[in-house]
């Protein structure tokens, strides 16, 4: 049984997830208001993997007009 992890395929996804999480948390920190409590968005961004960060950028941020 071969259980070698294909790091050459997983490394880009891990890198993208890390970058999106960091950028999402920085954006959340700088935001004056969000749709929902900030503490909840921190949990969603950190535990939601790629989808948590994307959800924050699509749903959580309020438009500044």
C-alpha atoms as a PDB file:
ATOM      1  CA  UNK A   1       0.000   0.000   0.000  1.00  0.00           C
ATOM      2  CA  UNK A   2       1.473   3.342  -1.110  1.00  0.00           C
ATOM      3  CA  UNK A   3       0.592   6.206   1.245  1.00  0.00           C
ATOM      4  CA  UNK A   4       2.924   8.865  -0.119  1.00  0.00           C
ATOM      5  CA  UNK A   5       1.327  12.306  -0.037  1.00  0.00           C
ATOM      6  CA  UNK A   6       1.462  14.122  -3.410  1.00  0.00           C
ATOM      7  CA  UNK A   7       2.940  17.353  -2.028  1.00  0.00           C
ATOM      8  CA  UNK A   8       3.434  18.803  -5.488  1.00  0.00           C
ATOM      9  CA  UNK A   9      -0.368  18.850  -5.844  1.00  0.00           C
ATOM     10  CA  UNK A  10      -1.262  19.871  -2.281  1.00  0.00           C
ATOM     11  CA  UNK A  11       1.341  22.602  -1.737  1.00  0.00           C
ATOM     12  CA  UNK A  12      -0.345  25.193  -4.010  1.00  0.00           C
ATOM     13  CA  UNK A  13      -3.732  24.631  -2.322  1.00  0.00           C
ATOM     14  CA  UNK A  14      -2.205  24.966   1.137  1.00  0.00           C
ATOM     15  CA  UNK A  15      -0.406  28.141   0.048  1.00  0.00           C
ATOM     16  CA  UNK A  16      -3.593  29.666  -1.415  1.00  0.00           C
ATOM     17  CA  UNK A  17      -5.546  28.772   1.733  1.00  0.00           C
ATOM     18  CA  UNK A  18      -2.904  30.384   3.943  1.00  0.00           C
ATOM     19  CA  UNK A  19      -2.785  33.573   1.864  1.00  0.00           C
ATOM     20  CA  UNK A  20      -6.595  33.876   1.720  1.00  0.00           C
ATOM     21  CA  UNK A  21      -6.869  33.346   5.474  1.00  0.00           C
ATOM     22  CA  UNK A  22      -4.246  35.993   6.275  1.00  0.00           C
ATOM     23  CA  UNK A  23      -5.714  38.523   3.832  1.00  0.00           C
ATOM     24  CA  UNK A  24      -9.221  37.808   5.114  1.00  0.00           C
ATOM     25  CA  UNK A  25      -8.202  38.292   8.747  1.00  0.00           C
ATOM     26  CA  UNK A  26      -6.382  41.545   7.933  1.00  0.00           C
ATOM     27  CA  UNK A  27      -9.400  42.806   6.002  1.00  0.00           C
ATOM     28  CA  UNK A  28     -11.695  41.813   8.867  1.00  0.00           C
ATOM     29  CA  UNK A  29      -9.472  43.604  11.384  1.00  0.00           C
ATOM     30  CA  UNK A  30      -9.522  46.812   9.333  1.00  0.00           C
ATOM     31  CA  UNK A  31     -13.264  46.696   8.607  1.00  0.00           C
ATOM     32  CA  UNK A  32     -15.406  49.128  10.577  1.00  0.00           C
ATOM     33  CA  UNK A  33     -18.500  46.943  10.268  1.00  0.00           C
ATOM     34  CA  UNK A  34     -19.406  43.560   8.839  1.00  0.00           C
ATOM     35  CA  UNK A  35     -22.509  41.527   8.186  1.00  0.00           C
ATOM     36  CA  UNK A  36     -22.565  39.633  11.446  1.00  0.00           C
ATOM     37  CA  UNK A  37     -20.257  39.721  14.466  1.00  0.00           C
ATOM     38  CA  UNK A  38     -16.524  39.874  13.806  1.00  0.00           C
ATOM     39  CA  UNK A  39     -15.750  37.034  16.216  1.00  0.00           C
ATOM     40  CA  UNK A  40     -17.960  34.741  14.151  1.00  0.00           C
ATOM     41  CA  UNK A  41     -16.164  35.707  10.938  1.00  0.00           C
ATOM     42  CA  UNK A  42     -12.811  34.919  12.578  1.00  0.00           C
ATOM     43  CA  UNK A  43     -14.059  31.401  13.330  1.00  0.00           C
ATOM     44  CA  UNK A  44     -15.481  30.989   9.815  1.00  0.00           C
ATOM     45  CA  UNK A  45     -12.259  32.186   8.172  1.00  0.00           C
ATOM     46  CA  UNK A  46     -10.017  29.991  10.311  1.00  0.00           C
ATOM     47  CA  UNK A  47     -12.148  26.839  10.359  1.00  0.00           C
ATOM     48  CA  UNK A  48     -13.830  27.117   6.990  1.00  0.00           C
ATOM     49  CA  UNK A  49     -10.718  26.413   4.952  1.00  0.00           C
ATOM     50  CA  UNK A  50     -10.837  28.034   1.500  1.00  0.00           C
ATOM     51  CA  UNK A  51     -14.597  28.427   1.585  1.00  0.00           C
ATOM     52  CA  UNK A  52     -14.542  30.379   4.861  1.00  0.00           C
ATOM     53  CA  UNK A  53     -12.311  33.101   3.443  1.00  0.00           C
ATOM     54  CA  UNK A  54     -14.259  33.263   0.192  1.00  0.00           C
ATOM     55  CA  UNK A  55     -17.529  33.469   2.139  1.00  0.00           C
ATOM     56  CA  UNK A  56     -16.204  36.429   4.121  1.00  0.00           C
ATOM     57  CA  UNK A  57     -15.210  38.316   0.971  1.00  0.00           C
ATOM     58  CA  UNK A  58     -18.500  37.553  -0.796  1.00  0.00           C
ATOM     59  CA  UNK A  59     -20.999  37.790   2.073  1.00  0.00           C
ATOM     60  CA  UNK A  60     -19.354  39.240   5.178  1.00  0.00           C
ATOM     61  CA  UNK A  61     -17.923  42.516   3.980  1.00  0.00           C
ATOM     62  CA  UNK A  62     -20.172  45.517   3.770  1.00  0.00           C
ATOM     63  CA  UNK A  63     -19.855  47.769   0.755  1.00  0.00           C
ATOM     64  CA  UNK A  64     -18.319  51.112   1.610  1.00  0.00           C
ATOM     65  CA  UNK A  65     -20.217  53.827  -0.228  1.00  0.00           C
END
